[in-house]
N, C-alpha and C. Protein backbone atom coordinates (compact mmCIF):
# COMPACT_ATOMS: atom_id res chain seq x y z
N UNK A 1 35.03 -167.80 44.89
CA UNK A 1 35.04 -166.38 44.59
C UNK A 1 34.40 -166.16 43.22
N UNK A 2 33.41 -165.27 43.17
CA UNK A 2 32.75 -164.98 41.90
C UNK A 2 33.50 -163.87 41.18
N UNK A 3 33.57 -164.02 39.91
CA UNK A 3 34.28 -163.02 39.09
C UNK A 3 33.24 -162.13 38.44
N UNK A 4 33.31 -160.83 38.74
CA UNK A 4 32.35 -159.87 38.22
C UNK A 4 33.07 -158.83 37.37
N UNK A 5 32.35 -158.26 36.43
CA UNK A 5 32.90 -157.23 35.56
C UNK A 5 33.28 -156.01 36.40
N UNK A 6 34.47 -155.49 36.17
CA UNK A 6 34.96 -154.33 36.91
C UNK A 6 35.89 -154.68 38.06
N UNK A 7 35.96 -155.96 38.41
CA UNK A 7 36.82 -156.40 39.52
C UNK A 7 38.27 -156.42 39.09
N UNK A 8 39.16 -155.92 39.97
CA UNK A 8 40.59 -155.97 39.70
C UNK A 8 41.17 -157.13 40.50
N UNK A 9 41.92 -157.99 39.79
CA UNK A 9 42.48 -159.18 40.40
C UNK A 9 43.95 -159.32 40.03
N UNK A 10 44.65 -160.13 40.81
CA UNK A 10 46.03 -160.45 40.48
C UNK A 10 46.04 -161.85 39.89
N UNK A 11 46.82 -162.01 38.80
CA UNK A 11 46.86 -163.30 38.14
C UNK A 11 48.24 -163.61 37.62
N UNK A 12 48.40 -164.85 37.17
CA UNK A 12 49.69 -165.32 36.68
C UNK A 12 49.55 -165.72 35.21
N UNK A 13 50.45 -165.22 34.37
CA UNK A 13 50.42 -165.52 32.94
C UNK A 13 50.77 -166.99 32.75
N UNK A 14 49.83 -167.73 32.11
CA UNK A 14 50.05 -169.16 31.89
C UNK A 14 50.30 -169.51 30.43
N UNK A 15 49.94 -168.62 29.52
CA UNK A 15 50.14 -168.91 28.11
C UNK A 15 50.15 -167.63 27.30
N UNK A 16 50.95 -167.64 26.22
CA UNK A 16 51.05 -166.47 25.35
C UNK A 16 50.78 -166.92 23.92
N UNK A 17 49.91 -166.19 23.23
CA UNK A 17 49.61 -166.44 21.82
C UNK A 17 49.86 -165.17 21.03
N UNK A 18 49.68 -165.23 19.71
CA UNK A 18 49.88 -164.03 18.90
C UNK A 18 48.76 -163.02 19.10
N UNK A 19 47.62 -163.44 19.67
CA UNK A 19 46.50 -162.52 19.87
C UNK A 19 46.30 -162.10 21.32
N UNK A 20 47.13 -162.56 22.25
CA UNK A 20 46.99 -162.16 23.64
C UNK A 20 47.69 -163.10 24.59
N UNK A 21 47.26 -163.05 25.86
CA UNK A 21 47.87 -163.89 26.89
C UNK A 21 46.78 -164.45 27.80
N UNK A 22 46.96 -165.69 28.22
CA UNK A 22 46.04 -166.32 29.16
C UNK A 22 46.57 -166.13 30.56
N UNK A 23 45.66 -165.72 31.46
CA UNK A 23 46.04 -165.42 32.84
C UNK A 23 45.20 -166.28 33.77
N UNK A 24 45.88 -167.01 34.68
CA UNK A 24 45.21 -167.82 35.69
C UNK A 24 44.88 -166.91 36.86
N UNK A 25 43.60 -166.82 37.19
CA UNK A 25 43.17 -165.90 38.24
C UNK A 25 43.22 -166.57 39.60
N UNK A 26 42.34 -167.51 39.85
CA UNK A 26 42.37 -168.25 41.11
C UNK A 26 41.43 -169.44 40.98
N UNK A 27 41.81 -170.51 41.63
CA UNK A 27 40.97 -171.71 41.61
C UNK A 27 40.84 -172.32 40.23
N UNK A 28 41.85 -172.16 39.38
CA UNK A 28 41.81 -172.76 38.06
C UNK A 28 41.01 -171.98 37.04
N UNK A 29 40.57 -170.77 37.38
CA UNK A 29 39.82 -169.93 36.45
C UNK A 29 40.82 -169.15 35.60
N UNK A 30 40.65 -169.25 34.28
CA UNK A 30 41.58 -168.59 33.36
C UNK A 30 40.83 -167.60 32.49
N UNK A 31 41.46 -166.45 32.26
CA UNK A 31 40.89 -165.44 31.39
C UNK A 31 41.89 -165.03 30.33
N UNK A 32 41.41 -164.33 29.31
CA UNK A 32 42.27 -163.90 28.21
C UNK A 32 42.44 -162.39 28.23
N UNK A 33 43.69 -161.96 28.14
CA UNK A 33 43.99 -160.54 27.94
C UNK A 33 44.29 -160.39 26.46
N UNK A 34 43.39 -159.74 25.73
CA UNK A 34 43.59 -159.54 24.30
C UNK A 34 44.78 -158.61 24.09
N UNK A 35 45.44 -158.75 22.94
CA UNK A 35 46.64 -157.96 22.63
C UNK A 35 46.36 -156.46 22.70
N UNK A 36 45.13 -156.05 22.39
CA UNK A 36 44.78 -154.63 22.43
C UNK A 36 44.59 -154.12 23.85
N UNK A 37 44.52 -155.02 24.83
CA UNK A 37 44.31 -154.63 26.22
C UNK A 37 45.56 -154.81 27.08
N UNK A 38 46.72 -155.02 26.45
CA UNK A 38 47.95 -155.22 27.22
C UNK A 38 48.58 -153.91 27.63
N UNK A 39 48.68 -152.96 26.70
CA UNK A 39 49.33 -151.69 26.99
C UNK A 39 48.61 -150.56 26.27
N UNK A 40 48.89 -149.33 26.71
CA UNK A 40 48.26 -148.16 26.08
C UNK A 40 48.81 -147.90 24.69
N UNK A 41 50.06 -148.29 24.45
CA UNK A 41 50.64 -148.08 23.12
C UNK A 41 50.44 -149.33 22.27
N UNK A 42 50.85 -149.27 20.99
CA UNK A 42 50.68 -150.38 20.06
C UNK A 42 51.54 -151.56 20.46
N UNK A 43 50.95 -152.74 20.51
CA UNK A 43 51.66 -153.96 20.87
C UNK A 43 51.75 -154.82 19.62
N UNK A 44 52.96 -154.98 19.09
CA UNK A 44 53.16 -155.81 17.91
C UNK A 44 53.34 -157.27 18.31
N UNK A 45 54.11 -157.48 19.38
CA UNK A 45 54.37 -158.84 19.84
C UNK A 45 54.11 -158.91 21.34
N UNK A 46 53.27 -159.83 21.75
CA UNK A 46 52.91 -159.98 23.16
C UNK A 46 54.15 -160.31 23.99
N UNK A 47 55.09 -161.07 23.40
CA UNK A 47 56.30 -161.47 24.14
C UNK A 47 57.18 -160.29 24.53
N UNK A 48 57.01 -159.14 23.88
CA UNK A 48 57.77 -157.95 24.26
C UNK A 48 57.27 -157.36 25.58
N UNK A 49 56.05 -157.69 25.98
CA UNK A 49 55.45 -157.09 27.17
C UNK A 49 55.25 -158.09 28.31
N UNK A 50 55.01 -159.35 27.97
CA UNK A 50 54.70 -160.35 28.99
C UNK A 50 55.53 -161.61 28.79
N UNK A 51 55.79 -162.30 29.90
CA UNK A 51 56.48 -163.59 29.89
C UNK A 51 55.62 -164.57 30.69
N UNK A 52 55.77 -165.85 30.41
CA UNK A 52 55.05 -166.87 31.18
C UNK A 52 55.53 -166.82 32.63
N UNK A 53 54.60 -166.99 33.55
CA UNK A 53 54.80 -166.93 35.00
C UNK A 53 54.91 -165.50 35.53
N UNK A 54 54.71 -164.47 34.69
CA UNK A 54 54.63 -163.10 35.21
C UNK A 54 53.36 -162.95 36.03
N UNK A 55 53.46 -162.22 37.13
CA UNK A 55 52.29 -161.91 37.95
C UNK A 55 51.83 -160.51 37.56
N UNK A 56 50.56 -160.41 37.13
CA UNK A 56 50.04 -159.14 36.63
C UNK A 56 48.73 -158.81 37.31
N UNK A 57 48.44 -157.50 37.34
CA UNK A 57 47.17 -157.02 37.85
C UNK A 57 46.25 -156.84 36.64
N UNK A 58 45.06 -157.45 36.69
CA UNK A 58 44.13 -157.39 35.57
C UNK A 58 42.77 -156.91 36.05
N UNK A 59 42.01 -156.38 35.12
CA UNK A 59 40.64 -155.97 35.40
C UNK A 59 39.71 -156.79 34.53
N UNK A 60 38.64 -157.31 35.10
CA UNK A 60 37.67 -158.10 34.35
C UNK A 60 36.81 -157.13 33.55
N UNK A 61 36.85 -157.29 32.21
CA UNK A 61 36.07 -156.38 31.38
C UNK A 61 34.81 -157.03 30.81
N UNK A 62 34.78 -158.37 30.73
CA UNK A 62 33.54 -159.04 30.36
C UNK A 62 33.59 -160.51 30.75
N UNK A 63 32.41 -161.06 30.99
CA UNK A 63 32.26 -162.49 31.28
C UNK A 63 31.14 -162.99 30.38
N UNK A 64 31.50 -163.91 29.45
CA UNK A 64 30.50 -164.45 28.52
C UNK A 64 29.66 -165.53 29.20
N UNK A 65 28.54 -165.86 28.56
CA UNK A 65 27.65 -166.89 29.09
C UNK A 65 28.32 -168.26 29.11
N UNK A 66 29.22 -168.48 28.14
CA UNK A 66 29.88 -169.79 28.07
C UNK A 66 31.10 -169.87 28.98
N UNK A 67 31.34 -168.86 29.82
CA UNK A 67 32.41 -168.92 30.81
C UNK A 67 33.70 -168.23 30.41
N UNK A 68 33.79 -167.68 29.20
CA UNK A 68 35.00 -166.99 28.79
C UNK A 68 35.10 -165.66 29.52
N UNK A 69 36.31 -165.37 30.00
CA UNK A 69 36.53 -164.14 30.78
C UNK A 69 37.48 -163.25 30.01
N UNK A 70 37.05 -162.03 29.74
CA UNK A 70 37.89 -161.04 29.07
C UNK A 70 38.57 -160.15 30.10
N UNK A 71 39.88 -160.02 30.00
CA UNK A 71 40.66 -159.26 30.97
C UNK A 71 41.39 -158.11 30.30
N UNK A 72 41.81 -157.13 31.10
CA UNK A 72 42.57 -156.00 30.60
C UNK A 72 43.65 -155.64 31.61
N UNK A 73 44.87 -155.49 31.10
CA UNK A 73 45.96 -155.02 31.97
C UNK A 73 45.98 -153.50 31.97
N UNK A 74 45.77 -152.88 30.81
CA UNK A 74 45.87 -151.43 30.74
C UNK A 74 44.74 -150.73 31.50
N UNK A 75 43.58 -151.36 31.63
CA UNK A 75 42.50 -150.75 32.40
C UNK A 75 42.67 -150.97 33.89
N UNK A 76 43.50 -151.94 34.27
CA UNK A 76 43.72 -152.22 35.69
C UNK A 76 44.67 -151.21 36.32
N UNK A 77 45.47 -150.54 35.51
CA UNK A 77 46.43 -149.57 36.03
C UNK A 77 45.71 -148.26 36.28
N UNK A 78 45.82 -147.75 37.52
CA UNK A 78 45.21 -146.47 37.84
C UNK A 78 46.11 -145.36 37.32
N UNK A 79 45.56 -144.55 36.43
CA UNK A 79 46.33 -143.45 35.85
C UNK A 79 46.23 -142.23 36.75
N UNK A 80 47.31 -141.45 36.84
CA UNK A 80 47.24 -140.21 37.60
C UNK A 80 46.24 -139.25 36.98
N UNK A 81 45.74 -138.35 37.77
CA UNK A 81 44.72 -137.41 37.30
C UNK A 81 45.25 -136.53 36.18
N UNK A 82 46.56 -136.27 36.14
CA UNK A 82 47.11 -135.42 35.09
C UNK A 82 47.06 -136.10 33.73
N UNK A 83 47.10 -137.43 33.67
CA UNK A 83 47.06 -138.14 32.40
C UNK A 83 45.64 -138.38 31.92
N UNK A 84 44.67 -138.38 32.82
CA UNK A 84 43.31 -138.63 32.42
C UNK A 84 42.71 -137.36 31.83
N UNK A 85 42.11 -137.50 30.66
CA UNK A 85 41.49 -136.35 30.03
C UNK A 85 40.00 -136.40 30.30
N UNK A 86 39.42 -135.26 30.62
CA UNK A 86 37.96 -135.25 30.81
C UNK A 86 37.28 -135.41 29.45
N UNK A 87 36.07 -135.93 29.44
CA UNK A 87 35.37 -136.08 28.16
C UNK A 87 35.12 -134.71 27.53
N UNK A 88 35.21 -134.68 26.20
CA UNK A 88 35.05 -133.41 25.50
C UNK A 88 33.58 -133.05 25.39
N UNK A 89 33.30 -131.82 25.70
CA UNK A 89 31.95 -131.31 25.56
C UNK A 89 31.79 -130.72 24.16
N UNK A 90 30.58 -130.69 23.63
CA UNK A 90 30.40 -130.09 22.32
C UNK A 90 30.73 -128.60 22.36
N UNK A 91 31.29 -128.10 21.26
CA UNK A 91 31.70 -126.70 21.22
C UNK A 91 30.49 -125.82 21.00
N UNK A 92 30.31 -124.90 21.90
CA UNK A 92 29.17 -123.99 21.80
C UNK A 92 29.63 -122.56 21.51
N UNK A 93 30.95 -122.36 21.43
CA UNK A 93 31.45 -121.01 21.21
C UNK A 93 31.41 -120.60 19.74
N UNK A 94 31.09 -121.53 18.85
CA UNK A 94 31.08 -121.23 17.43
C UNK A 94 29.68 -121.44 16.88
N UNK A 95 29.10 -120.46 16.21
CA UNK A 95 27.77 -120.66 15.66
C UNK A 95 27.83 -121.59 14.46
N UNK A 96 26.76 -122.34 14.26
CA UNK A 96 26.71 -123.21 13.10
C UNK A 96 26.16 -122.42 11.92
N UNK A 97 26.41 -122.93 10.73
CA UNK A 97 25.93 -122.25 9.53
C UNK A 97 27.04 -121.51 8.83
N UNK A 98 26.69 -120.72 7.81
CA UNK A 98 27.73 -120.02 7.04
C UNK A 98 28.39 -118.93 7.87
N UNK A 99 29.68 -118.75 7.62
CA UNK A 99 30.43 -117.72 8.34
C UNK A 99 30.31 -116.40 7.61
N UNK A 100 30.11 -115.32 8.33
CA UNK A 100 29.93 -114.02 7.67
C UNK A 100 31.22 -113.49 7.05
N UNK A 101 32.39 -113.95 7.48
CA UNK A 101 33.64 -113.44 6.94
C UNK A 101 34.10 -114.19 5.70
N UNK A 102 33.33 -115.19 5.25
CA UNK A 102 33.69 -115.96 4.06
C UNK A 102 32.61 -115.78 3.00
N UNK A 103 33.01 -115.72 1.72
CA UNK A 103 31.99 -115.60 0.68
C UNK A 103 31.19 -116.88 0.53
N UNK A 104 29.96 -116.73 0.08
CA UNK A 104 29.12 -117.91 -0.13
C UNK A 104 29.65 -118.71 -1.28
N UNK A 105 29.39 -120.00 -1.27
CA UNK A 105 29.83 -120.85 -2.36
C UNK A 105 31.21 -121.41 -2.16
N UNK A 106 31.68 -121.46 -0.96
CA UNK A 106 32.99 -122.08 -0.69
C UNK A 106 34.11 -121.12 -0.98
N UNK A 107 34.99 -121.48 -1.87
CA UNK A 107 36.12 -120.62 -2.20
C UNK A 107 37.34 -121.05 -1.44
N UNK A 108 38.44 -120.45 -1.76
CA UNK A 108 39.67 -120.75 -1.09
C UNK A 108 40.45 -121.88 -1.70
N UNK A 109 39.88 -122.55 -2.70
CA UNK A 109 40.57 -123.67 -3.33
C UNK A 109 41.38 -123.21 -4.53
N UNK A 110 41.35 -124.01 -5.58
CA UNK A 110 42.12 -123.69 -6.78
C UNK A 110 41.61 -122.45 -7.49
N UNK A 111 40.34 -122.14 -7.28
CA UNK A 111 39.77 -121.02 -8.02
C UNK A 111 40.05 -119.67 -7.39
N UNK A 112 40.81 -119.63 -6.30
CA UNK A 112 41.16 -118.37 -5.67
C UNK A 112 40.02 -117.73 -4.92
N UNK A 113 38.93 -118.46 -4.71
CA UNK A 113 37.83 -117.92 -3.93
C UNK A 113 36.88 -117.06 -4.74
N UNK A 114 37.04 -117.00 -6.04
CA UNK A 114 36.15 -116.18 -6.85
C UNK A 114 34.88 -116.94 -7.17
N UNK A 115 33.74 -116.26 -7.18
CA UNK A 115 32.51 -116.94 -7.56
C UNK A 115 32.60 -117.39 -9.01
N UNK A 116 32.05 -118.55 -9.30
CA UNK A 116 32.07 -119.05 -10.66
C UNK A 116 33.21 -120.00 -10.92
N UNK A 117 34.16 -120.10 -10.01
CA UNK A 117 35.25 -121.05 -10.14
C UNK A 117 36.35 -120.59 -11.06
N UNK A 118 37.44 -121.34 -11.10
CA UNK A 118 38.60 -121.11 -11.95
C UNK A 118 39.08 -119.66 -11.89
N UNK A 119 39.91 -119.38 -10.91
CA UNK A 119 40.34 -118.02 -10.62
C UNK A 119 41.26 -117.38 -11.62
N UNK A 120 42.05 -118.09 -12.40
CA UNK A 120 43.00 -117.46 -13.31
C UNK A 120 42.37 -117.14 -14.65
N UNK A 121 41.38 -116.29 -14.66
CA UNK A 121 40.71 -115.92 -15.91
C UNK A 121 40.66 -114.40 -16.00
N UNK A 122 40.70 -113.93 -17.23
CA UNK A 122 40.55 -112.49 -17.40
C UNK A 122 39.07 -112.15 -17.49
N UNK A 123 38.73 -110.91 -17.78
CA UNK A 123 37.33 -110.49 -17.76
C UNK A 123 36.49 -111.15 -18.84
N UNK A 124 37.10 -111.61 -19.90
CA UNK A 124 36.35 -112.27 -20.96
C UNK A 124 36.10 -113.73 -20.69
N UNK A 125 36.57 -114.24 -19.57
CA UNK A 125 36.36 -115.64 -19.24
C UNK A 125 37.45 -116.53 -19.78
N UNK A 126 38.47 -115.95 -20.42
CA UNK A 126 39.56 -116.74 -20.98
C UNK A 126 40.72 -116.74 -20.02
N UNK A 127 41.51 -117.79 -20.10
CA UNK A 127 42.73 -117.85 -19.29
C UNK A 127 43.81 -117.03 -19.97
N UNK A 128 44.60 -116.32 -19.20
CA UNK A 128 45.73 -115.61 -19.82
C UNK A 128 46.77 -116.61 -20.28
N UNK A 129 47.43 -116.32 -21.40
CA UNK A 129 48.40 -117.28 -21.91
C UNK A 129 49.76 -117.00 -21.29
N UNK A 130 50.37 -118.03 -20.78
CA UNK A 130 51.72 -117.96 -20.22
C UNK A 130 52.62 -118.89 -21.01
N UNK A 131 52.50 -118.83 -22.35
CA UNK A 131 53.24 -119.71 -23.24
C UNK A 131 52.92 -121.18 -22.99
N UNK A 132 51.75 -121.43 -22.47
CA UNK A 132 51.28 -122.81 -22.32
C UNK A 132 50.05 -122.95 -23.20
N UNK A 133 49.93 -124.06 -23.91
CA UNK A 133 48.78 -124.23 -24.80
C UNK A 133 47.49 -124.37 -23.99
N UNK A 134 46.41 -123.88 -24.55
CA UNK A 134 45.11 -123.99 -23.90
C UNK A 134 44.60 -125.42 -24.02
N UNK A 135 43.52 -125.69 -23.38
CA UNK A 135 42.92 -127.01 -23.44
C UNK A 135 42.51 -127.35 -24.87
N UNK A 136 41.93 -126.37 -25.56
CA UNK A 136 41.49 -126.61 -26.94
C UNK A 136 42.69 -126.95 -27.83
N UNK A 137 43.82 -126.25 -27.64
CA UNK A 137 45.02 -126.55 -28.43
C UNK A 137 45.53 -127.96 -28.14
N UNK A 138 45.55 -128.31 -26.89
CA UNK A 138 46.00 -129.66 -26.52
C UNK A 138 45.08 -130.72 -27.11
N UNK A 139 43.78 -130.45 -27.07
CA UNK A 139 42.81 -131.42 -27.57
C UNK A 139 42.94 -131.59 -29.08
N UNK A 140 43.10 -130.50 -29.81
CA UNK A 140 43.23 -130.61 -31.26
C UNK A 140 44.52 -131.35 -31.63
N UNK A 141 45.61 -131.10 -30.90
CA UNK A 141 46.86 -131.79 -31.16
C UNK A 141 46.71 -133.29 -30.87
N UNK A 142 46.00 -133.62 -29.79
CA UNK A 142 45.77 -135.02 -29.45
C UNK A 142 44.96 -135.72 -30.55
N UNK A 143 43.89 -135.07 -31.03
CA UNK A 143 43.05 -135.67 -32.06
C UNK A 143 43.84 -135.89 -33.34
N UNK A 144 44.66 -134.92 -33.72
CA UNK A 144 45.48 -135.05 -34.93
C UNK A 144 46.44 -136.23 -34.80
N UNK A 145 47.14 -136.32 -33.66
CA UNK A 145 48.09 -137.42 -33.44
C UNK A 145 47.38 -138.77 -33.45
N UNK A 146 46.23 -138.86 -32.80
CA UNK A 146 45.54 -140.14 -32.72
C UNK A 146 45.01 -140.56 -34.09
N UNK A 147 44.52 -139.60 -34.89
CA UNK A 147 44.06 -139.94 -36.24
C UNK A 147 45.21 -140.45 -37.09
N UNK A 148 46.39 -139.82 -36.97
CA UNK A 148 47.57 -140.28 -37.72
C UNK A 148 47.96 -141.70 -37.30
N UNK A 149 47.92 -141.98 -36.03
CA UNK A 149 48.27 -143.31 -35.55
C UNK A 149 47.28 -144.36 -36.04
N UNK A 150 46.00 -144.03 -35.98
CA UNK A 150 44.98 -144.98 -36.43
C UNK A 150 45.14 -145.26 -37.92
N UNK A 151 45.37 -144.23 -38.70
CA UNK A 151 45.51 -144.44 -40.15
C UNK A 151 46.75 -145.28 -40.46
N UNK A 152 47.85 -145.06 -39.75
CA UNK A 152 49.05 -145.87 -40.01
C UNK A 152 48.81 -147.32 -39.58
N UNK A 153 48.08 -147.55 -38.51
CA UNK A 153 47.75 -148.92 -38.10
C UNK A 153 46.89 -149.62 -39.14
N UNK A 154 45.90 -148.88 -39.68
CA UNK A 154 45.04 -149.47 -40.70
C UNK A 154 45.83 -149.84 -41.94
N UNK A 155 46.75 -148.96 -42.35
CA UNK A 155 47.57 -149.25 -43.53
C UNK A 155 48.39 -150.51 -43.32
N UNK A 156 48.96 -150.66 -42.16
CA UNK A 156 49.83 -151.80 -41.89
C UNK A 156 49.06 -153.10 -41.70
N UNK A 157 47.85 -153.06 -41.21
CA UNK A 157 47.12 -154.29 -40.95
C UNK A 157 46.27 -154.73 -42.13
N UNK A 158 45.81 -153.82 -42.98
CA UNK A 158 44.96 -154.20 -44.10
C UNK A 158 45.71 -155.01 -45.14
N UNK A 159 46.98 -154.74 -45.33
CA UNK A 159 47.74 -155.45 -46.34
C UNK A 159 48.10 -156.86 -45.94
N UNK A 160 48.07 -157.15 -44.67
CA UNK A 160 48.46 -158.48 -44.19
C UNK A 160 47.26 -159.41 -44.19
N UNK A 161 47.52 -160.65 -44.49
CA UNK A 161 46.45 -161.63 -44.53
C UNK A 161 45.93 -161.90 -43.12
N UNK A 162 44.65 -161.85 -42.94
CA UNK A 162 44.05 -162.13 -41.64
C UNK A 162 44.08 -160.94 -40.68
N UNK A 163 44.49 -159.79 -41.17
CA UNK A 163 44.50 -158.62 -40.30
C UNK A 163 43.10 -158.12 -40.03
N UNK A 164 42.98 -157.25 -39.09
CA UNK A 164 41.67 -156.74 -38.74
C UNK A 164 41.18 -155.80 -39.83
N UNK A 165 40.00 -155.97 -40.23
CA UNK A 165 39.38 -155.09 -41.22
C UNK A 165 39.71 -155.49 -42.66
N UNK A 166 40.50 -156.50 -42.89
CA UNK A 166 40.85 -156.90 -44.24
C UNK A 166 39.70 -157.71 -44.85
N UNK A 167 39.45 -157.48 -46.12
CA UNK A 167 38.38 -158.21 -46.79
C UNK A 167 38.95 -159.41 -47.49
N UNK A 168 38.27 -160.50 -47.38
CA UNK A 168 38.66 -161.71 -48.10
C UNK A 168 37.69 -161.92 -49.26
N UNK A 169 38.22 -162.31 -50.35
CA UNK A 169 37.38 -162.52 -51.52
C UNK A 169 37.28 -163.96 -51.89
């Protein structure tokens, strides 16, 4: 009996590995059911679905030149018409390109959809203050703190022998 792609056969599970199961088809011909072809849902452990000496219906999905046979259990099961989904056709009910009901330039994000970005600004381009410091205030405070830290580090390291930046005479 020749084994061709697409043929459904009955076989007996002869071996189980972490990556699939070996199935004896007929006349000593053995094929592999990969773990991804055992069931429609996620298979973590092959032993949860198959046992040695189980008789299963398989479908031949490929035959390599070197004689390796790829099998599938999930493709061998005929699904009812209600479970089979027809292939999706491209959507033609929506025109491509910019939508007339949306402003150009994107919008809808953090900027509130206003052109120019950053929606929480008054007419002068400044943010209204809500008792939170502005970016400039935060930046000046950061620079002041960092300069103080650097100067204190320099004072502490220059006096010590072998410190960074210390001059030896």
